[in-house]
Amino acid sequence: EPLKLVAQNDQGAYFLCRDLDEVTLADLHQLFPNTEWIESEGSDWRKFLMERQREIQQAERPLMELSLHQLFARDQRAGGVDGKDGTSGTR
């Protein structure tokens, strides 16, 4: 079972189940990859977290700039694709 970091109460509010020193921004980003849950106005920590999220998204983009054709061509070069349409024999 994964480490439970966040829980939700009956009113729908989220709270941490761990000590603040045990939870990193990376942990929160993995649980909540988008920033919809962060209010855009308010505390300095919110502004800092929003900026970090933007930096992560900007850094991720070049790594994910690969077309699906390029992705599946890797299998074809390795002999993992058996159909002319580029589909794999394993479904």
PDB file of N, CA and C in Angstrom:
ATOM      1  N   GLU A   1       0.856  -1.189   0.000  1.00  0.00           N
ATOM      2  CA  GLU A   1       0.000   0.000   0.000  1.00  0.00           C
ATOM      3  C   GLU A   1       0.890   1.236   0.000  1.00  0.00           C
ATOM      4  N   PRO A   2       0.578   2.211  -0.854  1.00  0.00           N
ATOM      5  CA  PRO A   2       1.402   3.425  -0.907  1.00  0.00           C
ATOM      6  C   PRO A   2       1.292   4.232   0.387  1.00  0.00           C
ATOM      7  N   LEU A   3       2.322   4.991   0.644  1.00  0.00           N
ATOM      8  CA  LEU A   3       2.355   5.856   1.810  1.00  0.00           C
ATOM      9  C   LEU A   3       1.235   6.879   1.725  1.00  0.00           C
ATOM     10  N   LYS A   4       0.378   6.927   2.714  1.00  0.00           N
ATOM     11  CA  LYS A   4      -0.743   7.873   2.698  1.00  0.00           C
ATOM     12  C   LYS A   4      -0.241   9.227   3.201  1.00  0.00           C
ATOM     13  N   LEU A   5      -0.224  10.192   2.297  1.00  0.00           N
ATOM     14  CA  LEU A   5       0.264  11.523   2.644  1.00  0.00           C
ATOM     15  C   LEU A   5      -0.869  12.499   2.907  1.00  0.00           C
ATOM     16  N   VAL A   6      -1.971  12.334   2.183  1.00  0.00           N
ATOM     17  CA  VAL A   6      -3.058  13.296   2.247  1.00  0.00           C
ATOM     18  C   VAL A   6      -4.368  12.550   2.469  1.00  0.00           C
ATOM     19  N   ALA A   7      -5.234  13.130   3.291  1.00  0.00           N
ATOM     20  CA  ALA A   7      -6.573  12.587   3.512  1.00  0.00           C
ATOM     21  C   ALA A   7      -7.580  13.716   3.328  1.00  0.00           C
ATOM     22  N   GLN A   8      -8.834  13.338   3.192  1.00  0.00           N
ATOM     23  CA  GLN A   8      -9.899  14.321   3.003  1.00  0.00           C
ATOM     24  C   GLN A   8     -10.929  14.124   4.100  1.00  0.00           C
ATOM     25  N   ASN A   9     -11.367  15.250   4.718  1.00  0.00           N
ATOM     26  CA  ASN A   9     -12.364  15.147   5.778  1.00  0.00           C
ATOM     27  C   ASN A   9     -13.776  15.185   5.196  1.00  0.00           C
ATOM     28  N   ASP A  10     -14.777  15.101   6.051  1.00  0.00           N
ATOM     29  CA  ASP A  10     -16.177  15.067   5.615  1.00  0.00           C
ATOM     30  C   ASP A  10     -16.608  16.332   4.878  1.00  0.00           C
ATOM     31  N   GLN A  11     -15.940  17.451   5.129  1.00  0.00           N
ATOM     32  CA  GLN A  11     -16.288  18.712   4.468  1.00  0.00           C
ATOM     33  C   GLN A  11     -15.564  18.877   3.129  1.00  0.00           C
ATOM     34  N   GLY A  12     -14.724  17.917   2.771  1.00  0.00           N
ATOM     35  CA  GLY A  12     -14.013  17.977   1.501  1.00  0.00           C
ATOM     36  C   GLY A  12     -12.653  18.641   1.568  1.00  0.00           C
ATOM     37  N   ALA A  13     -12.242  19.074   2.753  1.00  0.00           N
ATOM     38  CA  ALA A  13     -10.932  19.711   2.902  1.00  0.00           C
ATOM     39  C   ALA A  13      -9.845  18.639   2.990  1.00  0.00           C
ATOM     40  N   TYR A  14      -8.675  18.939   2.431  1.00  0.00           N
ATOM     41  CA  TYR A  14      -7.542  18.020   2.469  1.00  0.00           C
ATOM     42  C   TYR A  14      -6.618  18.394   3.616  1.00  0.00           C
ATOM     43  N   PHE A  15      -5.985  17.382   4.200  1.00  0.00           N
ATOM     44  CA  PHE A  15      -4.997  17.631   5.242  1.00  0.00           C
ATOM     45  C   PHE A  15      -3.903  16.574   5.163  1.00  0.00           C
ATOM     46  N   LEU A  16      -2.709  16.944   5.648  1.00  0.00           N
ATOM     47  CA  LEU A  16      -1.570  16.040   5.625  1.00  0.00           C
ATOM     48  C   LEU A  16      -1.685  15.006   6.738  1.00  0.00           C
ATOM     49  N   CYS A  17      -1.283  13.801   6.439  1.00  0.00           N
ATOM     50  CA  CYS A  17      -1.272  12.719   7.417  1.00  0.00           C
ATOM     51  C   CYS A  17       0.135  12.471   7.934  1.00  0.00           C
ATOM     52  N   ARG A  18       1.068  13.278   7.518  1.00  0.00           N
ATOM     53  CA  ARG A  18       2.466  13.112   7.892  1.00  0.00           C
ATOM     54  C   ARG A  18       3.019  14.414   8.452  1.00  0.00           C
ATOM     55  N   ASP A  19       4.137  14.289   9.135  1.00  0.00           N
ATOM     56  CA  ASP A  19       4.867  15.444   9.636  1.00  0.00           C
ATOM     57  C   ASP A  19       5.356  16.269   8.443  1.00  0.00           C
ATOM     58  N   LEU A  20       5.310  17.574   8.548  1.00  0.00           N
ATOM     59  CA  LEU A  20       5.730  18.461   7.456  1.00  0.00           C
ATOM     60  C   LEU A  20       7.168  18.210   7.004  1.00  0.00           C
ATOM     61  N   ASP A  21       8.021  17.754   7.923  1.00  0.00           N
ATOM     62  CA  ASP A  21       9.406  17.478   7.565  1.00  0.00           C
ATOM     63  C   ASP A  21       9.550  16.197   6.743  1.00  0.00           C
ATOM     64  N   GLU A  22       8.527  15.363   6.704  1.00  0.00           N
ATOM     65  CA  GLU A  22       8.584  14.099   5.977  1.00  0.00           C
ATOM     66  C   GLU A  22       8.039  14.202   4.551  1.00  0.00           C
ATOM     67  N   VAL A  23       7.327  15.281   4.230  1.00  0.00           N
ATOM     68  CA  VAL A  23       6.670  15.417   2.932  1.00  0.00           C
ATOM     69  C   VAL A  23       7.401  16.473   2.114  1.00  0.00           C
ATOM     70  N   THR A  24       7.738  16.124   0.862  1.00  0.00           N
ATOM     71  CA  THR A  24       8.440  17.064  -0.016  1.00  0.00           C
ATOM     72  C   THR A  24       7.493  17.600  -1.082  1.00  0.00           C
ATOM     73  N   LEU A  25       7.938  18.629  -1.779  1.00  0.00           N
ATOM     74  CA  LEU A  25       7.173  19.135  -2.915  1.00  0.00           C
ATOM     75  C   LEU A  25       7.047  18.066  -3.993  1.00  0.00           C
ATOM     76  N   ALA A  26       8.062  17.237  -4.132  1.00  0.00           N
ATOM     77  CA  ALA A  26       7.999  16.145  -5.107  1.00  0.00           C
ATOM     78  C   ALA A  26       6.876  15.173  -4.756  1.00  0.00           C
ATOM     79  N   ASP A  27       6.692  14.886  -3.469  1.00  0.00           N
ATOM     80  CA  ASP A  27       5.602  14.019  -3.041  1.00  0.00           C
ATOM     81  C   ASP A  27       4.253  14.615  -3.424  1.00  0.00           C
ATOM     82  N   LEU A  28       4.078  15.904  -3.152  1.00  0.00           N
ATOM     83  CA  LEU A  28       2.814  16.564  -3.484  1.00  0.00           C
ATOM     84  C   LEU A  28       2.597  16.631  -4.994  1.00  0.00           C
ATOM     85  N   HIS A  29       3.659  16.893  -5.736  1.00  0.00           N
ATOM     86  CA  HIS A  29       3.541  16.962  -7.195  1.00  0.00           C
ATOM     87  C   HIS A  29       3.121  15.608  -7.763  1.00  0.00           C
ATOM     88  N   GLN A  30       3.629  14.539  -7.188  1.00  0.00           N
ATOM     89  CA  GLN A  30       3.258  13.208  -7.663  1.00  0.00           C
ATOM     90  C   GLN A  30       1.789  12.936  -7.382  1.00  0.00           C
ATOM     91  N   LEU A  31       1.301  13.360  -6.230  1.00  0.00           N
ATOM     92  CA  LEU A  31      -0.107  13.160  -5.885  1.00  0.00           C
ATOM     93  C   LEU A  31      -1.029  14.089  -6.662  1.00  0.00           C
ATOM     94  N   PHE A  32      -0.592  15.341  -6.836  1.00  0.00           N
ATOM     95  CA  PHE A  32      -1.411  16.373  -7.482  1.00  0.00           C
ATOM     96  C   PHE A  32      -0.593  17.038  -8.589  1.00  0.00           C
ATOM     97  N   PRO A  33      -0.496  16.411  -9.765  1.00  0.00           N
ATOM     98  CA  PRO A  33       0.357  16.981 -10.813  1.00  0.00           C
ATOM     99  C   PRO A  33      -0.131  18.306 -11.386  1.00  0.00           C
ATOM    100  N   ASN A  34      -1.403  18.625 -11.233  1.00  0.00           N
ATOM    101  CA  ASN A  34      -1.861  19.931 -11.690  1.00  0.00           C
ATOM    102  C   ASN A  34      -1.997  20.865 -10.489  1.00  0.00           C
ATOM    103  N   THR A  35      -2.216  22.113 -10.753  1.00  0.00           N
ATOM    104  CA  THR A  35      -2.229  23.114  -9.676  1.00  0.00           C
ATOM    105  C   THR A  35      -3.628  23.630  -9.364  1.00  0.00           C
ATOM    106  N   GLU A  36      -4.649  22.917  -9.832  1.00  0.00           N
ATOM    107  CA  GLU A  36      -6.015  23.393  -9.620  1.00  0.00           C
ATOM    108  C   GLU A  36      -6.380  23.516  -8.137  1.00  0.00           C
ATOM    109  N   TRP A  37      -5.759  22.732  -7.302  1.00  0.00           N
ATOM    110  CA  TRP A  37      -6.088  22.744  -5.880  1.00  0.00           C
ATOM    111  C   TRP A  37      -5.431  23.903  -5.135  1.00  0.00           C
ATOM    112  N   ILE A  38      -4.500  24.590  -5.788  1.00  0.00           N
ATOM    113  CA  ILE A  38      -3.806  25.713  -5.145  1.00  0.00           C
ATOM    114  C   ILE A  38      -4.514  27.003  -5.519  1.00  0.00           C
ATOM    115  N   GLU A  39      -4.912  27.761  -4.537  1.00  0.00           N
ATOM    116  CA  GLU A  39      -5.530  29.063  -4.811  1.00  0.00           C
ATOM    117  C   GLU A  39      -4.452  29.990  -5.361  1.00  0.00           C
ATOM    118  N   SER A  40      -4.787  30.745  -6.396  1.00  0.00           N
ATOM    119  CA  SER A  40      -3.782  31.588  -7.031  1.00  0.00           C
ATOM    120  C   SER A  40      -3.427  32.812  -6.191  1.00  0.00           C
ATOM    121  N   GLU A  41      -4.332  33.238  -5.359  1.00  0.00           N
ATOM    122  CA  GLU A  41      -4.073  34.393  -4.497  1.00  0.00           C
ATOM    123  C   GLU A  41      -3.729  33.900  -3.100  1.00  0.00           C
ATOM    124  N   GLY A  42      -2.990  34.721  -2.385  1.00  0.00           N
ATOM    125  CA  GLY A  42      -2.779  34.374  -0.988  1.00  0.00           C
ATOM    126  C   GLY A  42      -1.341  34.348  -0.569  1.00  0.00           C
ATOM    127  N   SER A  43      -1.024  33.365   0.222  1.00  0.00           N
ATOM    128  CA  SER A  43       0.249  33.250   0.929  1.00  0.00           C
ATOM    129  C   SER A  43       1.448  33.172  -0.002  1.00  0.00           C
ATOM    130  N   ASP A  44       2.590  33.557   0.550  1.00  0.00           N
ATOM    131  CA  ASP A  44       3.839  33.455  -0.195  1.00  0.00           C
ATOM    132  C   ASP A  44       4.135  32.015  -0.586  1.00  0.00           C
ATOM    133  N   TRP A  45       3.792  31.046   0.289  1.00  0.00           N
ATOM    134  CA  TRP A  45       4.069  29.649  -0.045  1.00  0.00           C
ATOM    135  C   TRP A  45       3.263  29.217  -1.267  1.00  0.00           C
ATOM    136  N   ARG A  46       2.055  29.745  -1.413  1.00  0.00           N
ATOM    137  CA  ARG A  46       1.249  29.394  -2.590  1.00  0.00           C
ATOM    138  C   ARG A  46       1.887  29.939  -3.860  1.00  0.00           C
ATOM    139  N   LYS A  47       2.340  31.188  -3.796  1.00  0.00           N
ATOM    140  CA  LYS A  47       2.995  31.798  -4.953  1.00  0.00           C
ATOM    141  C   LYS A  47       4.270  31.030  -5.311  1.00  0.00           C
ATOM    142  N   PHE A  48       5.040  30.659  -4.296  1.00  0.00           N
ATOM    143  CA  PHE A  48       6.269  29.896  -4.511  1.00  0.00           C
ATOM    144  C   PHE A  48       5.951  28.537  -5.129  1.00  0.00           C
ATOM    145  N   LEU A  49       4.935  27.859  -4.613  1.00  0.00           N
ATOM    146  CA  LEU A  49       4.558  26.547  -5.126  1.00  0.00           C
ATOM    147  C   LEU A  49       4.055  26.639  -6.564  1.00  0.00           C
ATOM    148  N   MET A  50       3.269  27.652  -6.873  1.00  0.00           N
ATOM    149  CA  MET A  50       2.786  27.842  -8.241  1.00  0.00           C
ATOM    150  C   MET A  50       3.964  28.057  -9.197  1.00  0.00           C
ATOM    151  N   GLU A  51       4.943  28.837  -8.763  1.00  0.00           N
ATOM    152  CA  GLU A  51       6.124  29.081  -9.594  1.00  0.00           C
ATOM    153  C   GLU A  51       6.896  27.775  -9.815  1.00  0.00           C
ATOM    154  N   ARG A  52       7.054  26.982  -8.770  1.00  0.00           N
ATOM    155  CA  ARG A  52       7.747  25.699  -8.910  1.00  0.00           C
ATOM    156  C   ARG A  52       7.003  24.786  -9.881  1.00  0.00           C
ATOM    157  N   GLN A  53       5.689  24.767  -9.788  1.00  0.00           N
ATOM    158  CA  GLN A  53       4.882  23.940 -10.689  1.00  0.00           C
ATOM    159  C   GLN A  53       5.083  24.394 -12.140  1.00  0.00           C
ATOM    160  N   ARG A  54       5.119  25.705 -12.373  1.00  0.00           N
ATOM    161  CA  ARG A  54       5.368  26.217 -13.726  1.00  0.00           C
ATOM    162  C   ARG A  54       6.750  25.791 -14.228  1.00  0.00           C
ATOM    163  N   GLU A  55       7.740  25.858 -13.351  1.00  0.00           N
ATOM    164  CA  GLU A  55       9.098  25.445 -13.724  1.00  0.00           C
ATOM    165  C   GLU A  55       9.137  23.964 -14.087  1.00  0.00           C
ATOM    166  N   ILE A  56       8.425  23.142 -13.333  1.00  0.00           N
ATOM    167  CA  ILE A  56       8.365  21.707 -13.623  1.00  0.00           C
ATOM    168  C   ILE A  56       7.728  21.475 -14.977  1.00  0.00           C
ATOM    169  N   GLN A  57       6.613  22.146 -15.238  1.00  0.00           N
ATOM    170  CA  GLN A  57       5.923  21.972 -16.518  1.00  0.00           C
ATOM    171  C   GLN A  57       6.810  22.405 -17.681  1.00  0.00           C
ATOM    172  N   GLN A  58       7.539  23.500 -17.514  1.00  0.00           N
ATOM    173  CA  GLN A  58       8.429  23.969 -18.574  1.00  0.00           C
ATOM    174  C   GLN A  58       9.574  22.984 -18.807  1.00  0.00           C
ATOM    175  N   ALA A  59      10.076  22.378 -17.738  1.00  0.00           N
ATOM    176  CA  ALA A  59      11.168  21.412 -17.868  1.00  0.00           C
ATOM    177  C   ALA A  59      10.678  20.091 -18.468  1.00  0.00           C
ATOM    178  N   GLU A  60       9.444  19.696 -18.162  1.00  0.00           N
ATOM    179  CA  GLU A  60       8.895  18.444 -18.673  1.00  0.00           C
ATOM    180  C   GLU A  60       8.623  18.515 -20.167  1.00  0.00           C
ATOM    181  N   ARG A  61       8.182  19.650 -20.641  1.00  0.00           N
ATOM    182  CA  ARG A  61       7.715  19.780 -22.022  1.00  0.00           C
ATOM    183  C   ARG A  61       8.736  19.285 -23.046  1.00  0.00           C
ATOM    184  N   PRO A  62       9.998  19.736 -23.003  1.00  0.00           N
ATOM    185  CA  PRO A  62      10.961  19.255 -24.007  1.00  0.00           C
ATOM    186  C   PRO A  62      11.173  17.737 -23.933  1.00  0.00           C
ATOM    187  N   LEU A  63      11.088  17.165 -22.754  1.00  0.00           N
ATOM    188  CA  LEU A  63      11.278  15.728 -22.611  1.00  0.00           C
ATOM    189  C   LEU A  63      10.129  14.933 -23.221  1.00  0.00           C
ATOM    190  N   MET A  64       8.961  15.534 -23.275  1.00  0.00           N
ATOM    191  CA  MET A  64       7.777  14.852 -23.789  1.00  0.00           C
ATOM    192  C   MET A  64       7.455  15.233 -25.231  1.00  0.00           C
ATOM    193  N   GLU A  65       8.301  16.055 -25.868  1.00  0.00           N
ATOM    194  CA  GLU A  65       8.087  16.467 -27.258  1.00  0.00           C
ATOM    195  C   GLU A  65       8.513  15.349 -28.197  1.00  0.00           C
ATOM    196  N   LEU A  66       7.786  14.264 -28.166  1.00  0.00           N
ATOM    197  CA  LEU A  66       8.041  13.110 -28.992  1.00  0.00           C
ATOM    198  C   LEU A  66       6.699  12.698 -29.581  1.00  0.00           C
ATOM    199  N   SER A  67       6.622  12.620 -30.894  1.00  0.00           N
ATOM    200  CA  SER A  67       5.352  12.222 -31.504  1.00  0.00           C
ATOM    201  C   SER A  67       5.096  10.752 -31.205  1.00  0.00           C
ATOM    202  N   LEU A  68       3.841  10.364 -31.304  1.00  0.00           N
ATOM    203  CA  LEU A  68       3.505   8.959 -31.101  1.00  0.00           C
ATOM    204  C   LEU A  68       4.154   8.085 -32.173  1.00  0.00           C
ATOM    205  N   HIS A  69       4.286   8.636 -33.375  1.00  0.00           N
ATOM    206  CA  HIS A  69       4.978   7.902 -34.438  1.00  0.00           C
ATOM    207  C   HIS A  69       6.417   7.598 -34.019  1.00  0.00           C
ATOM    208  N   GLN A  70       7.116   8.598 -33.488  1.00  0.00           N
ATOM    209  CA  GLN A  70       8.492   8.394 -33.037  1.00  0.00           C
ATOM    210  C   GLN A  70       8.556   7.375 -31.899  1.00  0.00           C
ATOM    211  N   LEU A  71       7.586   7.439 -31.017  1.00  0.00           N
ATOM    212  CA  LEU A  71       7.543   6.508 -29.893  1.00  0.00           C
ATOM    213  C   LEU A  71       7.392   5.073 -30.382  1.00  0.00           C
ATOM    214  N   PHE A  72       6.408   4.840 -31.261  1.00  0.00           N
ATOM    215  CA  PHE A  72       6.153   3.489 -31.739  1.00  0.00           C
ATOM    216  C   PHE A  72       7.236   3.013 -32.715  1.00  0.00           C
ATOM    217  N   ALA A  73       7.911   3.934 -33.376  1.00  0.00           N
ATOM    218  CA  ALA A  73       8.999   3.562 -34.282  1.00  0.00           C
ATOM    219  C   ALA A  73      10.132   2.900 -33.514  1.00  0.00           C
ATOM    220  N   ARG A  74      10.275   3.233 -32.241  1.00  0.00           N
ATOM    221  CA  ARG A  74      11.300   2.597 -31.418  1.00  0.00           C
ATOM    222  C   ARG A  74      11.048   1.089 -31.349  1.00  0.00           C
ATOM    223  N   ASP A  75       9.785   0.674 -31.205  1.00  0.00           N
ATOM    224  CA  ASP A  75       9.439  -0.746 -31.191  1.00  0.00           C
ATOM    225  C   ASP A  75       9.710  -1.387 -32.542  1.00  0.00           C
ATOM    226  N   GLN A  76       9.371  -0.662 -33.603  1.00  0.00           N
ATOM    227  CA  GLN A  76       9.545  -1.193 -34.949  1.00  0.00           C
ATOM    228  C   GLN A  76      11.026  -1.466 -35.228  1.00  0.00           C
ATOM    229  N   ARG A  77      11.882  -0.536 -34.820  1.00  0.00           N
ATOM    230  CA  ARG A  77      13.331  -0.721 -35.015  1.00  0.00           C
ATOM    231  C   ARG A  77      13.843  -1.898 -34.206  1.00  0.00           C
ATOM    232  N   ALA A  78      13.205  -2.159 -33.058  1.00  0.00           N
ATOM    233  CA  ALA A  78      13.631  -3.259 -32.202  1.00  0.00           C
ATOM    234  C   ALA A  78      12.953  -4.571 -32.585  1.00  0.00           C
ATOM    235  N   GLY A  79      12.072  -4.528 -33.596  1.00  0.00           N
ATOM    236  CA  GLY A  79      11.403  -5.735 -34.035  1.00  0.00           C
ATOM    237  C   GLY A  79      10.157  -6.066 -33.237  1.00  0.00           C
ATOM    238  N   GLY A  80       9.641  -5.095 -32.475  1.00  0.00           N
ATOM    239  CA  GLY A  80       8.476  -5.355 -31.643  1.00  0.00           C
ATOM    240  C   GLY A  80       7.151  -5.079 -32.313  1.00  0.00           C
ATOM    241  N   VAL A  81       7.161  -4.576 -33.533  1.00  0.00           N
ATOM    242  CA  VAL A  81       5.925  -4.266 -34.236  1.00  0.00           C
ATOM    243  C   VAL A  81       5.797  -5.231 -35.405  1.00  0.00           C
ATOM    244  N   ASP A  82       4.635  -5.872 -35.522  1.00  0.00           N
ATOM    245  CA  ASP A  82       4.517  -6.867 -36.569  1.00  0.00           C
ATOM    246  C   ASP A  82       3.500  -6.535 -37.655  1.00  0.00           C
ATOM    247  N   GLY A  83       2.706  -5.494 -37.493  1.00  0.00           N
ATOM    248  CA  GLY A  83       1.711  -5.150 -38.506  1.00  0.00           C
ATOM    249  C   GLY A  83       2.168  -3.982 -39.347  1.00  0.00           C
ATOM    250  N   LYS A  84       1.641  -3.902 -40.583  1.00  0.00           N
ATOM    251  CA  LYS A  84       1.987  -2.772 -41.450  1.00  0.00           C
ATOM    252  C   LYS A  84       1.470  -1.465 -40.920  1.00  0.00           C
ATOM    253  N   ASP A  85       0.403  -1.534 -40.112  1.00  0.00           N
ATOM    254  CA  ASP A  85      -0.180  -0.308 -39.565  1.00  0.00           C
ATOM    255  C   ASP A  85       0.555   0.167 -38.316  1.00  0.00           C
ATOM    256  N   GLY A  86       1.619  -0.527 -37.943  1.00  0.00           N
ATOM    257  CA  GLY A  86       2.411  -0.111 -36.786  1.00  0.00           C
ATOM    258  C   GLY A  86       1.898  -0.653 -35.470  1.00  0.00           C
ATOM    259  N   THR A  87       0.935  -1.577 -35.532  1.00  0.00           N
ATOM    260  CA  THR A  87       0.402  -2.124 -34.283  1.00  0.00           C
ATOM    261  C   THR A  87       1.272  -3.282 -33.821  1.00  0.00           C
ATOM    262  N   SER A  88       1.272  -3.463 -32.552  1.00  0.00           N
ATOM    263  CA  SER A  88       2.029  -4.551 -31.955  1.00  0.00           C
ATOM    264  C   SER A  88       1.178  -5.812 -31.945  1.00  0.00           C
ATOM    265  N   GLY A  89       1.809  -6.940 -31.946  1.00  0.00           N
ATOM    266  CA  GLY A  89       1.084  -8.204 -31.892  1.00  0.00           C
ATOM    267  C   GLY A  89       0.502  -8.476 -30.519  1.00  0.00           C
ATOM    268  N   THR A  90       0.977  -7.796 -29.490  1.00  0.00           N
ATOM    269  CA  THR A  90       0.455  -7.998 -28.134  1.00  0.00           C
ATOM    270  C   THR A  90      -0.570  -6.944 -27.848  1.00  0.00           C
ATOM    271  N   ARG A  91      -1.765  -7.340 -27.512  1.00  0.00           N
ATOM    272  CA  ARG A  91      -2.839  -6.395 -27.218  1.00  0.00           C
ATOM    273  C   ARG A  91      -3.443  -6.710 -25.883  1.00  0.00           C
TER     274      ARG A  91
END
